[in-house]
Amino acid sequence: MPNDPYAVLRALLRAEAVRDTPKPKPELRPAPDARQVQAPPPEEHGNN
C-alpha cells in the first residue's frame, strides 16, 4: 500500500486529464493507387 493516501486520487486525475486532452489530427496522406490496394486473383489449385 502506498504511503501517500492521495496517490490513487492523483493518478485518477492524471489519467482523466490525459484522456480529455485533444489528440492532434493525423496528417492526411494521398490514397495509394487502386492497383496497389487490390489483392491478386486467387490461384487455381486444380480442385474442380
C-alpha atoms as a PDB file:
ATOM      1  CA  MET A   1       0.000   0.000   0.000  1.00  0.00           C
ATOM      2  CA  PRO A   2       1.390   3.428  -0.887  1.00  0.00           C
ATOM      3  CA  ASN A   3       2.390   5.725   1.930  1.00  0.00           C
ATOM      4  CA  ASP A   4       0.573   8.628   0.292  1.00  0.00           C
ATOM      5  CA  PRO A   5      -3.209   8.316   0.743  1.00  0.00           C
ATOM      6  CA  TYR A   6      -3.794  10.683  -2.190  1.00  0.00           C
ATOM      7  CA  ALA A   7      -1.634   8.768  -4.695  1.00  0.00           C
ATOM      8  CA  VAL A   8      -4.625   6.980  -6.201  1.00  0.00           C
ATOM      9  CA  LEU A   9      -6.603  10.208  -6.472  1.00  0.00           C
ATOM     10  CA  ARG A  10      -3.713  11.945  -8.238  1.00  0.00           C
ATOM     11  CA  ALA A  11      -3.309   9.005 -10.610  1.00  0.00           C
ATOM     12  CA  LEU A  12      -7.004   9.122 -11.497  1.00  0.00           C
ATOM     13  CA  LEU A  13      -6.852  12.868 -12.090  1.00  0.00           C
ATOM     14  CA  ARG A  14      -3.775  12.440 -14.305  1.00  0.00           C
ATOM     15  CA  ALA A  15      -5.495   9.702 -16.311  1.00  0.00           C
ATOM     16  CA  GLU A  16      -8.589  11.856 -16.789  1.00  0.00           C
ATOM     17  CA  ALA A  17      -6.501  14.823 -17.892  1.00  0.00           C
ATOM     18  CA  VAL A  18      -4.701  12.694 -20.472  1.00  0.00           C
ATOM     19  CA  ARG A  19      -7.985  11.285 -21.706  1.00  0.00           C
ATOM     20  CA  ASP A  20      -9.549  14.733 -22.063  1.00  0.00           C
ATOM     21  CA  THR A  21      -6.560  16.231 -23.887  1.00  0.00           C
ATOM     22  CA  PRO A  22      -7.462  16.747 -27.553  1.00  0.00           C
ATOM     23  CA  LYS A  23      -5.492  14.455 -29.823  1.00  0.00           C
ATOM     24  CA  PRO A  24      -3.630  16.001 -32.765  1.00  0.00           C
ATOM     25  CA  LYS A  25      -5.268  15.302 -36.096  1.00  0.00           C
ATOM     26  CA  PRO A  26      -3.305  12.839 -38.218  1.00  0.00           C
ATOM     27  CA  GLU A  27      -1.801  14.202 -41.386  1.00  0.00           C
ATOM     28  CA  LEU A  28      -3.839  13.298 -44.434  1.00  0.00           C
ATOM     29  CA  ARG A  29      -1.875  11.243 -46.898  1.00  0.00           C
ATOM     30  CA  PRO A  30      -2.942  10.757 -50.514  1.00  0.00           C
ATOM     31  CA  ALA A  31      -4.673   7.437 -51.104  1.00  0.00           C
ATOM     32  CA  PRO A  32      -2.484   4.803 -52.733  1.00  0.00           C
ATOM     33  CA  ASP A  33      -3.139   3.800 -56.309  1.00  0.00           C
ATOM     34  CA  ALA A  34      -6.114   1.419 -56.630  1.00  0.00           C
ATOM     35  CA  ARG A  35      -3.984  -1.160 -58.450  1.00  0.00           C
ATOM     36  CA  GLN A  36      -1.746  -1.452 -55.389  1.00  0.00           C
ATOM     37  CA  VAL A  37      -4.668  -1.940 -52.993  1.00  0.00           C
ATOM     38  CA  GLN A  38      -6.409  -4.827 -54.790  1.00  0.00           C
ATOM     39  CA  ALA A  39      -5.400  -8.349 -53.891  1.00  0.00           C
ATOM     40  CA  PRO A  40      -4.192 -10.597 -56.693  1.00  0.00           C
ATOM     41  CA  PRO A  41      -6.762 -13.051 -58.080  1.00  0.00           C
ATOM     42  CA  PRO A  42      -6.837 -16.424 -56.312  1.00  0.00           C
ATOM     43  CA  GLU A  43      -4.797 -19.120 -57.982  1.00  0.00           C
ATOM     44  CA  GLU A  44      -6.395 -22.303 -59.253  1.00  0.00           C
ATOM     45  CA  HIS A  45      -5.459 -25.373 -57.231  1.00  0.00           C
ATOM     46  CA  GLY A  46      -6.950 -27.989 -59.527  1.00  0.00           C
ATOM     47  CA  ASN A  47      -9.813 -28.860 -57.150  1.00  0.00           C
ATOM     48  CA  ASN A  48     -12.569 -28.895 -59.774  1.00  0.00           C
END
